[in-house]
């Protein structure tokens, strides 16, 4: 609208030549058409700038901070707390002991344990590769036994840690967090045990 008004003001200032010469009239028409083209160009340019490009993706709103306490599934809650800053975890533990830190720690320990088992299996395969000459299944059996041991241990850990808070008479509301704290303690011990068991691979 502003450009159109400006165009009209320019046209108003272009008075018709008082002379009747054809050259003056021709020059006036060229000037008039030039001004009209300029006004239209500016109008189109402004309209284009004000309108978002076709197909452009609108900016996404910033996601609200996730409430880890609202996450029901244990693995998902562990992942959620693992993404929180350490200062937030410390503040949470101060207000609600065992409500945050065990979940954060359990996520990290799960990753550490899985990496350790992969590393031990790979190192054992290299260290005992010569055994394949007389016992072709030695290395593959070792890896299978390690995997089976870890699976059985994890099941035993989880069952014992579910039992522990109830055996101690803790409330059901507290039991979940105490179970997670128990899992952290047992997993730390398992990592130390495996490192000691495979100390010959150092």
N, C-alpha and C. Protein backbone atom coordinates (compact mmCIF):
# COMPACT_ATOMS: atom_id res chain seq x y z
N UNK A 1 0.84 -1.20 0.00
CA UNK A 1 0.00 0.00 0.00
C UNK A 1 0.87 1.24 0.00
N UNK A 2 1.96 1.21 0.76
CA UNK A 2 2.83 2.37 0.84
C UNK A 2 3.46 2.66 -0.51
N UNK A 3 3.86 1.64 -1.25
CA UNK A 3 4.47 1.83 -2.55
C UNK A 3 3.47 2.38 -3.56
N UNK A 4 2.23 1.89 -3.49
CA UNK A 4 1.20 2.37 -4.42
C UNK A 4 0.94 3.86 -4.20
N UNK A 5 0.89 4.27 -2.91
CA UNK A 5 0.68 5.69 -2.62
C UNK A 5 1.85 6.52 -3.11
N UNK A 6 3.04 5.98 -2.94
CA UNK A 6 4.22 6.70 -3.42
C UNK A 6 4.17 6.84 -4.92
N UNK A 7 3.66 5.78 -5.59
CA UNK A 7 3.56 5.83 -7.06
C UNK A 7 2.60 6.90 -7.50
N UNK A 8 1.48 7.00 -6.77
CA UNK A 8 0.50 8.03 -7.15
C UNK A 8 1.08 9.42 -6.95
N UNK A 9 1.85 9.59 -5.88
CA UNK A 9 2.46 10.90 -5.64
C UNK A 9 3.41 11.26 -6.76
N UNK A 10 4.15 10.28 -7.23
CA UNK A 10 5.06 10.54 -8.34
C UNK A 10 4.29 10.91 -9.58
N UNK A 11 3.19 10.17 -9.86
CA UNK A 11 2.37 10.49 -11.04
C UNK A 11 1.78 11.88 -10.94
N UNK A 12 1.35 12.25 -9.72
CA UNK A 12 0.77 13.57 -9.56
C UNK A 12 1.78 14.66 -9.90
N UNK A 13 3.05 14.37 -9.63
CA UNK A 13 4.07 15.39 -9.90
C UNK A 13 4.43 15.48 -11.37
N UNK A 14 4.02 14.47 -12.14
CA UNK A 14 4.31 14.47 -13.57
C UNK A 14 3.15 15.12 -14.32
N UNK A 15 3.14 16.39 -14.36
CA UNK A 15 2.05 17.09 -15.06
C UNK A 15 2.21 16.93 -16.56
N UNK A 16 1.06 16.90 -17.25
CA UNK A 16 1.05 16.80 -18.71
C UNK A 16 1.74 18.03 -19.30
N UNK A 17 2.68 17.85 -20.23
CA UNK A 17 3.33 19.01 -20.85
C UNK A 17 2.31 19.94 -21.49
N UNK A 18 2.55 21.19 -21.26
CA UNK A 18 1.61 22.17 -21.82
C UNK A 18 1.80 22.35 -23.31
N UNK A 19 2.99 22.00 -23.79
CA UNK A 19 3.23 22.15 -25.22
C UNK A 19 2.58 21.04 -25.98
N UNK A 20 2.29 21.27 -27.16
CA UNK A 20 1.62 20.26 -27.99
C UNK A 20 2.56 19.51 -28.87
N UNK A 21 3.88 19.66 -28.68
CA UNK A 21 4.82 18.98 -29.57
C UNK A 21 4.76 17.48 -29.35
N UNK A 22 4.89 16.72 -30.45
CA UNK A 22 4.83 15.25 -30.37
C UNK A 22 6.03 14.70 -29.62
N UNK A 23 7.21 15.34 -29.75
CA UNK A 23 8.40 14.84 -29.04
C UNK A 23 8.23 14.98 -27.54
N UNK A 24 7.65 16.07 -27.09
CA UNK A 24 7.42 16.26 -25.66
C UNK A 24 6.43 15.24 -25.14
N UNK A 25 5.36 14.98 -25.93
CA UNK A 25 4.36 13.99 -25.53
C UNK A 25 4.97 12.60 -25.45
N UNK A 26 5.82 12.27 -26.43
CA UNK A 26 6.47 10.96 -26.45
C UNK A 26 7.39 10.79 -25.25
N UNK A 27 8.15 11.82 -24.94
CA UNK A 27 9.04 11.77 -23.77
C UNK A 27 8.25 11.62 -22.48
N UNK A 28 7.11 12.30 -22.40
CA UNK A 28 6.26 12.21 -21.22
C UNK A 28 5.75 10.79 -21.03
N UNK A 29 5.32 10.14 -22.16
CA UNK A 29 4.79 8.77 -22.06
C UNK A 29 5.89 7.80 -21.61
N UNK A 30 7.11 7.95 -22.14
CA UNK A 30 8.19 7.06 -21.75
C UNK A 30 8.51 7.22 -20.26
N UNK A 31 8.52 8.46 -19.80
CA UNK A 31 8.78 8.72 -18.40
C UNK A 31 7.69 8.13 -17.52
N UNK A 32 6.45 8.29 -17.96
CA UNK A 32 5.30 7.78 -17.22
C UNK A 32 5.37 6.26 -17.11
N UNK A 33 5.67 5.59 -18.23
CA UNK A 33 5.75 4.12 -18.23
C UNK A 33 6.91 3.63 -17.37
N UNK A 34 8.01 4.39 -17.38
CA UNK A 34 9.16 4.00 -16.56
C UNK A 34 8.85 4.06 -15.08
N UNK A 35 8.16 5.15 -14.68
CA UNK A 35 7.78 5.28 -13.27
C UNK A 35 6.81 4.18 -12.87
N UNK A 36 5.85 3.86 -13.74
CA UNK A 36 4.88 2.80 -13.46
C UNK A 36 5.58 1.46 -13.26
N UNK A 37 6.54 1.16 -14.13
CA UNK A 37 7.27 -0.10 -14.02
C UNK A 37 8.05 -0.17 -12.71
N UNK A 38 8.63 0.95 -12.31
CA UNK A 38 9.40 0.98 -11.07
C UNK A 38 8.50 0.74 -9.86
N UNK A 39 7.33 1.38 -9.84
CA UNK A 39 6.39 1.23 -8.72
C UNK A 39 5.91 -0.20 -8.61
N UNK A 40 5.56 -0.80 -9.77
CA UNK A 40 5.10 -2.19 -9.75
C UNK A 40 6.19 -3.14 -9.28
N UNK A 41 7.41 -2.87 -9.70
CA UNK A 41 8.54 -3.71 -9.29
C UNK A 41 8.75 -3.65 -7.79
N UNK A 42 8.69 -2.44 -7.22
CA UNK A 42 8.86 -2.30 -5.78
C UNK A 42 7.74 -2.97 -5.01
N UNK A 43 6.50 -2.85 -5.52
CA UNK A 43 5.35 -3.46 -4.86
C UNK A 43 5.50 -4.97 -4.83
N UNK A 44 5.90 -5.56 -5.96
CA UNK A 44 6.06 -7.01 -6.03
C UNK A 44 7.18 -7.47 -5.11
N UNK A 45 8.24 -6.68 -5.08
CA UNK A 45 9.38 -7.06 -4.24
C UNK A 45 9.02 -7.07 -2.78
N UNK A 46 8.27 -6.09 -2.33
CA UNK A 46 7.88 -6.03 -0.92
C UNK A 46 6.95 -7.17 -0.57
N UNK A 47 6.02 -7.46 -1.48
CA UNK A 47 5.08 -8.54 -1.22
C UNK A 47 5.80 -9.87 -1.12
N UNK A 48 6.81 -10.04 -1.99
CA UNK A 48 7.56 -11.30 -1.97
C UNK A 48 8.35 -11.43 -0.68
N UNK A 49 8.95 -10.32 -0.24
CA UNK A 49 9.76 -10.38 0.98
C UNK A 49 8.91 -10.64 2.20
N UNK A 50 7.69 -10.16 2.20
CA UNK A 50 6.84 -10.33 3.37
C UNK A 50 6.25 -11.72 3.46
N UNK A 51 6.23 -12.45 2.33
CA UNK A 51 5.59 -13.76 2.29
C UNK A 51 6.66 -14.84 2.36
N UNK A 52 6.55 -15.89 3.23
CA UNK A 52 7.56 -16.95 3.30
C UNK A 52 7.61 -17.72 2.00
N UNK A 53 8.77 -18.22 1.67
CA UNK A 53 8.95 -18.96 0.43
C UNK A 53 8.09 -20.21 0.42
N UNK A 54 7.61 -20.56 -0.78
CA UNK A 54 6.76 -21.74 -0.90
C UNK A 54 7.54 -22.97 -0.50
N UNK A 55 6.92 -23.83 0.28
CA UNK A 55 7.55 -25.07 0.69
C UNK A 55 8.52 -24.92 1.84
N UNK A 56 8.71 -23.72 2.35
CA UNK A 56 9.65 -23.52 3.45
C UNK A 56 9.11 -24.16 4.72
N UNK A 57 9.99 -24.80 5.48
CA UNK A 57 9.59 -25.45 6.72
C UNK A 57 9.54 -24.43 7.85
N UNK A 58 8.37 -24.28 8.49
CA UNK A 58 8.29 -23.31 9.59
C UNK A 58 9.17 -23.74 10.74
N UNK A 59 9.73 -22.81 11.48
CA UNK A 59 10.58 -23.19 12.62
C UNK A 59 9.81 -23.96 13.66
N UNK A 60 10.44 -25.01 14.17
CA UNK A 60 9.78 -25.85 15.17
C UNK A 60 9.89 -25.20 16.54
N UNK A 61 8.83 -25.29 17.34
CA UNK A 61 8.91 -24.74 18.69
C UNK A 61 9.89 -25.53 19.53
N UNK A 62 10.53 -24.86 20.47
CA UNK A 62 11.47 -25.54 21.35
C UNK A 62 10.71 -26.51 22.23
N UNK A 63 11.17 -27.77 22.22
CA UNK A 63 10.49 -28.80 23.00
C UNK A 63 10.66 -28.52 24.48
N UNK A 64 9.59 -28.77 25.21
CA UNK A 64 9.66 -28.59 26.65
C UNK A 64 10.59 -29.64 27.25
N UNK A 65 11.25 -29.31 28.36
CA UNK A 65 12.16 -30.24 29.01
C UNK A 65 11.38 -31.45 29.47
N UNK A 66 11.91 -32.64 29.17
CA UNK A 66 11.19 -33.86 29.48
C UNK A 66 11.19 -34.12 30.97
N UNK A 67 10.05 -34.54 31.48
CA UNK A 67 9.91 -34.90 32.89
C UNK A 67 10.23 -36.39 33.02
N UNK A 68 11.41 -36.71 33.50
CA UNK A 68 11.82 -38.11 33.59
C UNK A 68 10.96 -38.91 34.57
N UNK A 69 10.39 -38.24 35.56
CA UNK A 69 9.54 -38.95 36.52
C UNK A 69 8.25 -39.45 35.87
N UNK A 70 7.89 -38.84 34.75
CA UNK A 70 6.67 -39.26 34.06
C UNK A 70 6.92 -40.43 33.12
N UNK A 71 8.19 -40.82 32.95
CA UNK A 71 8.54 -41.93 32.07
C UNK A 71 8.39 -43.22 32.85
N UNK A 72 7.51 -44.10 32.38
CA UNK A 72 7.21 -45.31 33.14
C UNK A 72 8.20 -46.45 32.94
N UNK A 73 8.60 -46.69 31.70
CA UNK A 73 9.47 -47.83 31.39
C UNK A 73 10.89 -47.55 31.90
N UNK A 74 11.48 -48.54 32.57
CA UNK A 74 12.75 -48.32 33.26
C UNK A 74 13.88 -47.90 32.33
N UNK A 75 14.04 -48.61 31.20
CA UNK A 75 15.11 -48.27 30.27
C UNK A 75 14.95 -46.85 29.73
N UNK A 76 13.73 -46.47 29.44
CA UNK A 76 13.47 -45.12 28.93
C UNK A 76 13.76 -44.08 30.01
N UNK A 77 13.44 -44.39 31.25
CA UNK A 77 13.72 -43.46 32.34
C UNK A 77 15.23 -43.32 32.55
N UNK A 78 15.95 -44.43 32.44
CA UNK A 78 17.41 -44.38 32.55
C UNK A 78 18.01 -43.47 31.48
N UNK A 79 17.52 -43.64 30.26
CA UNK A 79 18.01 -42.80 29.16
C UNK A 79 17.70 -41.33 29.42
N UNK A 80 16.50 -41.06 29.91
CA UNK A 80 16.09 -39.68 30.19
C UNK A 80 17.02 -39.03 31.22
N UNK A 81 17.26 -39.71 32.32
CA UNK A 81 18.11 -39.14 33.36
C UNK A 81 19.57 -39.04 32.91
N UNK A 82 19.98 -39.92 32.00
CA UNK A 82 21.37 -39.87 31.51
C UNK A 82 21.63 -38.60 30.70
N UNK A 83 20.58 -37.95 30.24
CA UNK A 83 20.72 -36.74 29.42
C UNK A 83 20.62 -35.46 30.25
N UNK A 84 20.40 -35.61 31.55
CA UNK A 84 20.31 -34.44 32.43
C UNK A 84 21.71 -33.98 32.85
N UNK A 85 21.90 -32.68 33.04
CA UNK A 85 23.19 -32.19 33.53
C UNK A 85 23.49 -32.73 34.93
N UNK A 86 24.75 -32.88 35.25
CA UNK A 86 25.15 -33.43 36.55
C UNK A 86 24.62 -32.58 37.71
N UNK A 87 24.56 -31.26 37.51
CA UNK A 87 24.08 -30.41 38.60
C UNK A 87 22.59 -30.65 38.87
N UNK A 88 21.82 -30.98 37.82
CA UNK A 88 20.41 -31.29 38.02
C UNK A 88 20.25 -32.60 38.78
N UNK A 89 21.09 -33.58 38.45
CA UNK A 89 21.04 -34.87 39.14
C UNK A 89 21.40 -34.68 40.61
N UNK A 90 22.42 -33.89 40.88
CA UNK A 90 22.85 -33.66 42.26
C UNK A 90 21.74 -32.97 43.07
N UNK A 91 21.07 -31.99 42.46
CA UNK A 91 19.98 -31.30 43.14
C UNK A 91 18.82 -32.25 43.40
N UNK A 92 18.53 -33.09 42.42
CA UNK A 92 17.45 -34.07 42.58
C UNK A 92 17.76 -35.04 43.72
N UNK A 93 19.00 -35.51 43.78
CA UNK A 93 19.38 -36.45 44.84
C UNK A 93 19.30 -35.80 46.22
N UNK A 94 19.57 -34.51 46.26
CA UNK A 94 19.47 -33.80 47.53
C UNK A 94 18.02 -33.74 48.01
N UNK A 95 17.11 -33.56 47.07
CA UNK A 95 15.69 -33.46 47.42
C UNK A 95 15.03 -34.82 47.55
N UNK A 96 15.43 -35.77 46.66
CA UNK A 96 14.79 -37.09 46.63
C UNK A 96 15.87 -38.16 46.45
N UNK A 97 16.46 -38.65 47.52
CA UNK A 97 17.52 -39.65 47.41
C UNK A 97 17.08 -40.88 46.62
N UNK A 98 17.96 -41.35 45.74
CA UNK A 98 17.77 -42.54 44.89
C UNK A 98 16.74 -42.35 43.78
N UNK A 99 16.21 -41.14 43.63
CA UNK A 99 15.16 -40.93 42.63
C UNK A 99 15.71 -40.64 41.24
N UNK A 100 16.95 -40.20 41.16
CA UNK A 100 17.51 -39.77 39.86
C UNK A 100 18.84 -40.43 39.53
N UNK A 101 19.80 -40.30 40.43
CA UNK A 101 21.17 -40.75 40.16
C UNK A 101 21.26 -42.23 39.80
N UNK A 102 20.57 -43.13 40.49
CA UNK A 102 20.69 -44.54 40.11
C UNK A 102 20.28 -44.81 38.67
N UNK A 103 19.29 -44.09 38.17
CA UNK A 103 18.84 -44.29 36.78
C UNK A 103 19.90 -43.78 35.81
N UNK A 104 20.48 -42.63 36.11
CA UNK A 104 21.56 -42.10 35.29
C UNK A 104 22.75 -43.06 35.28
N UNK A 105 23.12 -43.53 36.48
CA UNK A 105 24.28 -44.42 36.61
C UNK A 105 24.03 -45.76 35.94
N UNK A 106 22.81 -46.26 36.03
CA UNK A 106 22.51 -47.57 35.45
C UNK A 106 22.62 -47.53 33.94
N UNK A 107 22.21 -46.43 33.34
CA UNK A 107 22.34 -46.29 31.88
C UNK A 107 23.82 -46.35 31.49
N UNK A 108 24.66 -45.66 32.21
CA UNK A 108 26.09 -45.64 31.91
C UNK A 108 26.72 -47.01 32.16
N UNK A 109 26.33 -47.66 33.24
CA UNK A 109 26.91 -48.97 33.57
C UNK A 109 26.50 -50.04 32.56
N UNK A 110 25.27 -49.98 32.09
CA UNK A 110 24.83 -50.92 31.05
C UNK A 110 25.72 -50.81 29.82
N UNK A 111 26.02 -49.59 29.43
CA UNK A 111 26.89 -49.38 28.27
C UNK A 111 28.31 -49.84 28.56
N UNK A 112 28.80 -49.57 29.76
CA UNK A 112 30.15 -49.99 30.13
C UNK A 112 30.27 -51.51 30.15
N UNK A 113 29.27 -52.18 30.71
CA UNK A 113 29.30 -53.64 30.79
C UNK A 113 29.24 -54.27 29.41
N UNK A 114 28.37 -53.77 28.55
CA UNK A 114 28.26 -54.30 27.19
C UNK A 114 29.57 -54.12 26.43
N UNK A 115 30.20 -52.96 26.59
CA UNK A 115 31.48 -52.71 25.92
C UNK A 115 32.56 -53.62 26.46
N UNK A 116 32.55 -53.87 27.76
CA UNK A 116 33.55 -54.76 28.38
C UNK A 116 33.41 -56.18 27.85
N UNK A 117 32.19 -56.67 27.74
CA UNK A 117 31.97 -58.03 27.24
C UNK A 117 32.43 -58.16 25.80
N UNK A 118 32.15 -57.17 24.99
CA UNK A 118 32.62 -57.19 23.60
C UNK A 118 34.15 -57.20 23.55
N UNK A 119 34.75 -56.38 24.40
CA UNK A 119 36.21 -56.29 24.42
C UNK A 119 36.84 -57.59 24.90
N UNK A 120 36.30 -58.18 25.95
CA UNK A 120 36.84 -59.44 26.47
C UNK A 120 36.72 -60.56 25.45
N UNK A 121 35.58 -60.60 24.77
CA UNK A 121 35.37 -61.63 23.76
C UNK A 121 36.36 -61.48 22.61
N UNK A 122 36.59 -60.25 22.18
CA UNK A 122 37.53 -60.00 21.08
C UNK A 122 38.97 -60.32 21.49
N UNK A 123 39.34 -59.92 22.70
CA UNK A 123 40.71 -60.19 23.16
C UNK A 123 40.94 -61.68 23.39
N UNK A 124 39.92 -62.38 23.88
CA UNK A 124 40.05 -63.83 24.07
C UNK A 124 40.19 -64.54 22.73
N UNK A 125 39.46 -64.05 21.73
CA UNK A 125 39.55 -64.66 20.40
C UNK A 125 40.96 -64.54 19.84
N UNK A 126 41.61 -63.42 20.08
CA UNK A 126 42.99 -63.22 19.61
C UNK A 126 43.98 -64.03 20.45
N UNK A 127 43.77 -63.98 21.76
CA UNK A 127 44.73 -64.64 22.67
C UNK A 127 44.71 -66.16 22.50
N UNK A 128 43.54 -66.71 22.28
CA UNK A 128 43.41 -68.17 22.21
C UNK A 128 43.20 -68.68 20.79
N UNK A 129 43.54 -67.87 19.82
CA UNK A 129 43.35 -68.28 18.42
C UNK A 129 44.12 -69.55 18.09
N UNK A 130 45.28 -69.74 18.70
CA UNK A 130 46.10 -70.92 18.41
C UNK A 130 45.44 -72.21 18.88
N UNK A 131 44.48 -72.09 19.81
CA UNK A 131 43.81 -73.29 20.31
C UNK A 131 42.98 -73.96 19.22
N UNK A 132 42.63 -73.19 18.20
CA UNK A 132 41.77 -73.71 17.14
C UNK A 132 42.41 -74.87 16.39
N UNK A 133 43.73 -74.98 16.48
CA UNK A 133 44.42 -76.08 15.80
C UNK A 133 43.98 -77.43 16.34
N UNK A 134 43.82 -77.52 17.66
CA UNK A 134 43.40 -78.77 18.29
C UNK A 134 41.95 -78.76 18.74
N UNK A 135 41.38 -77.55 18.91
CA UNK A 135 39.99 -77.44 19.40
C UNK A 135 39.32 -76.29 18.66
N UNK A 136 38.72 -76.60 17.54
CA UNK A 136 38.17 -75.54 16.67
C UNK A 136 37.05 -74.74 17.32
N UNK A 137 36.35 -75.33 18.26
CA UNK A 137 35.20 -74.65 18.88
C UNK A 137 35.57 -73.91 20.16
N UNK A 138 36.84 -73.90 20.53
CA UNK A 138 37.24 -73.33 21.82
C UNK A 138 36.83 -71.87 21.95
N UNK A 139 37.21 -71.06 20.98
CA UNK A 139 36.95 -69.63 21.06
C UNK A 139 35.46 -69.33 20.96
N UNK A 140 34.77 -70.00 20.06
CA UNK A 140 33.33 -69.75 19.91
C UNK A 140 32.57 -70.19 21.16
N UNK A 141 33.00 -71.29 21.78
CA UNK A 141 32.36 -71.73 23.02
C UNK A 141 32.62 -70.73 24.14
N UNK A 142 33.84 -70.20 24.21
CA UNK A 142 34.15 -69.21 25.25
C UNK A 142 33.22 -68.01 25.13
N UNK A 143 33.04 -67.51 23.91
CA UNK A 143 32.16 -66.35 23.70
C UNK A 143 30.72 -66.69 24.05
N UNK A 144 30.29 -67.91 23.71
CA UNK A 144 28.92 -68.33 24.02
C UNK A 144 28.71 -68.46 25.52
N UNK A 145 29.70 -69.01 26.22
CA UNK A 145 29.59 -69.16 27.67
C UNK A 145 29.58 -67.79 28.36
N UNK A 146 30.37 -66.87 27.84
CA UNK A 146 30.38 -65.52 28.41
C UNK A 146 29.03 -64.85 28.24
N UNK A 147 28.43 -64.99 27.06
CA UNK A 147 27.11 -64.40 26.81
C UNK A 147 26.05 -65.04 27.69
N UNK A 148 26.10 -66.38 27.84
CA UNK A 148 25.12 -67.08 28.67
C UNK A 148 25.28 -66.70 30.14
N UNK A 149 26.53 -66.57 30.57
CA UNK A 149 26.80 -66.17 31.95
C UNK A 149 26.24 -64.78 32.23
N UNK A 150 26.45 -63.87 31.29
CA UNK A 150 25.97 -62.50 31.48
C UNK A 150 24.44 -62.45 31.52
N UNK A 151 23.80 -63.24 30.66
CA UNK A 151 22.34 -63.27 30.64
C UNK A 151 21.78 -63.82 31.95
N UNK A 152 22.38 -64.92 32.44
CA UNK A 152 21.92 -65.51 33.69
C UNK A 152 22.19 -64.58 34.86
N UNK A 153 23.35 -63.92 34.84
CA UNK A 153 23.67 -62.98 35.91
C UNK A 153 22.68 -61.83 35.94
N UNK A 154 22.35 -61.26 34.79
CA UNK A 154 21.42 -60.13 34.73
C UNK A 154 20.05 -60.51 35.27
N UNK A 155 19.59 -61.72 34.94
CA UNK A 155 18.29 -62.18 35.44
C UNK A 155 18.33 -62.34 36.96
N UNK A 156 19.43 -62.89 37.47
CA UNK A 156 19.57 -63.05 38.91
C UNK A 156 19.65 -61.70 39.61
N UNK A 157 20.41 -60.78 39.04
CA UNK A 157 20.52 -59.43 39.60
C UNK A 157 19.16 -58.77 39.71
N UNK A 158 18.40 -58.80 38.63
CA UNK A 158 17.11 -58.12 38.62
C UNK A 158 16.13 -58.75 39.61
N UNK A 159 16.15 -60.09 39.70
CA UNK A 159 15.25 -60.77 40.64
C UNK A 159 15.62 -60.43 42.08
N UNK A 160 16.90 -60.48 42.39
CA UNK A 160 17.34 -60.16 43.75
C UNK A 160 17.03 -58.71 44.12
N UNK A 161 17.21 -57.81 43.16
CA UNK A 161 16.99 -56.39 43.44
C UNK A 161 15.51 -56.04 43.55
N UNK A 162 14.66 -56.79 42.89
CA UNK A 162 13.22 -56.62 43.09
C UNK A 162 12.82 -57.08 44.49
N UNK A 163 13.44 -58.16 44.95
CA UNK A 163 13.12 -58.72 46.26
C UNK A 163 13.62 -57.85 47.40
N UNK A 164 14.79 -57.30 47.26
CA UNK A 164 15.49 -56.65 48.37
C UNK A 164 14.67 -55.59 49.11
N UNK A 165 14.07 -54.59 48.44
CA UNK A 165 13.33 -53.57 49.19
C UNK A 165 12.09 -54.12 49.89
N UNK A 166 11.45 -55.11 49.30
CA UNK A 166 10.28 -55.70 49.95
C UNK A 166 10.69 -56.52 51.16
N UNK A 167 11.83 -57.22 51.05
CA UNK A 167 12.32 -58.00 52.19
C UNK A 167 12.69 -57.09 53.35
N UNK A 168 13.06 -55.86 53.06
CA UNK A 168 13.43 -54.90 54.09
C UNK A 168 12.25 -54.08 54.59
N UNK A 169 11.05 -54.38 54.07
CA UNK A 169 9.85 -53.70 54.53
C UNK A 169 9.66 -52.30 53.99
N UNK A 170 10.31 -51.97 52.88
CA UNK A 170 10.16 -50.64 52.30
C UNK A 170 8.82 -50.53 51.59
N UNK A 171 8.32 -49.30 51.48
CA UNK A 171 7.03 -49.09 50.82
C UNK A 171 7.15 -49.32 49.32
N UNK A 172 6.02 -49.65 48.71
CA UNK A 172 6.03 -49.88 47.27
C UNK A 172 6.44 -48.61 46.52
N UNK A 173 6.09 -47.47 47.05
CA UNK A 173 6.44 -46.20 46.39
C UNK A 173 7.96 -46.01 46.32
N UNK A 174 8.66 -46.49 47.34
CA UNK A 174 10.12 -46.36 47.39
C UNK A 174 10.83 -47.52 46.69
N UNK A 175 10.11 -48.61 46.49
CA UNK A 175 10.75 -49.85 46.03
C UNK A 175 11.43 -49.70 44.67
N UNK A 176 10.79 -49.00 43.74
CA UNK A 176 11.35 -48.88 42.40
C UNK A 176 12.72 -48.23 42.39
N UNK A 177 12.86 -47.13 43.13
CA UNK A 177 14.14 -46.42 43.17
C UNK A 177 15.20 -47.24 43.89
N UNK A 178 14.80 -47.96 44.96
CA UNK A 178 15.75 -48.79 45.69
C UNK A 178 16.18 -49.99 44.86
N UNK A 179 15.28 -50.51 44.07
CA UNK A 179 15.63 -51.60 43.15
C UNK A 179 16.68 -51.13 42.15
N UNK A 180 16.50 -49.92 41.64
CA UNK A 180 17.46 -49.38 40.68
C UNK A 180 18.82 -49.16 41.34
N UNK A 181 18.83 -48.68 42.57
CA UNK A 181 20.09 -48.48 43.29
C UNK A 181 20.80 -49.82 43.51
N UNK A 182 20.03 -50.85 43.79
CA UNK A 182 20.58 -52.19 43.95
C UNK A 182 21.19 -52.68 42.64
N UNK A 183 20.51 -52.44 41.53
CA UNK A 183 21.03 -52.85 40.22
C UNK A 183 22.35 -52.16 39.91
N UNK A 184 22.47 -50.91 40.30
CA UNK A 184 23.72 -50.17 40.10
C UNK A 184 24.85 -50.85 40.87
N UNK A 185 24.60 -51.15 42.13
CA UNK A 185 25.62 -51.77 42.98
C UNK A 185 26.04 -53.14 42.44
N UNK A 186 25.07 -53.94 42.02
CA UNK A 186 25.38 -55.28 41.50
C UNK A 186 26.13 -55.20 40.17
N UNK A 187 25.79 -54.23 39.35
CA UNK A 187 26.45 -54.10 38.04
C UNK A 187 27.89 -53.64 38.20
N UNK A 188 28.13 -52.75 39.12
CA UNK A 188 29.51 -52.34 39.41
C UNK A 188 30.34 -53.53 39.86
N UNK A 189 29.74 -54.38 40.71
CA UNK A 189 30.45 -55.57 41.18
C UNK A 189 30.69 -56.56 40.03
N UNK A 190 29.75 -56.68 39.12
CA UNK A 190 29.89 -57.59 37.98
C UNK A 190 31.04 -57.14 37.07
N UNK A 191 31.13 -55.86 36.83
CA UNK A 191 32.22 -55.34 35.99
C UNK A 191 33.57 -55.65 36.62
N UNK A 192 33.68 -55.44 37.93
CA UNK A 192 34.93 -55.75 38.63
C UNK A 192 35.23 -57.25 38.58
N UNK A 193 34.19 -58.07 38.72
CA UNK A 193 34.37 -59.52 38.69
C UNK A 193 34.89 -60.00 37.34
N UNK A 194 34.31 -59.49 36.25
CA UNK A 194 34.73 -59.90 34.92
C UNK A 194 36.17 -59.47 34.62
N UNK A 195 36.52 -58.28 35.06
CA UNK A 195 37.90 -57.81 34.85
C UNK A 195 38.89 -58.71 35.58
N UNK A 196 38.51 -59.15 36.78
CA UNK A 196 39.38 -60.05 37.53
C UNK A 196 39.41 -61.44 36.89
N UNK A 197 38.27 -61.91 36.44
CA UNK A 197 38.18 -63.25 35.84
C UNK A 197 39.03 -63.36 34.58
N UNK A 198 39.06 -62.29 33.80
CA UNK A 198 39.81 -62.30 32.54
C UNK A 198 41.14 -61.56 32.67
N UNK A 199 41.67 -61.50 33.87
CA UNK A 199 42.92 -60.77 34.08
C UNK A 199 44.08 -61.35 33.28
N UNK A 200 43.98 -62.62 32.89
CA UNK A 200 45.05 -63.25 32.10
C UNK A 200 45.16 -62.63 30.71
N UNK A 201 44.13 -61.91 30.28
CA UNK A 201 44.15 -61.31 28.94
C UNK A 201 44.86 -59.97 28.91
N UNK A 202 45.32 -59.48 30.04
CA UNK A 202 45.98 -58.17 30.08
C UNK A 202 47.28 -58.20 29.28
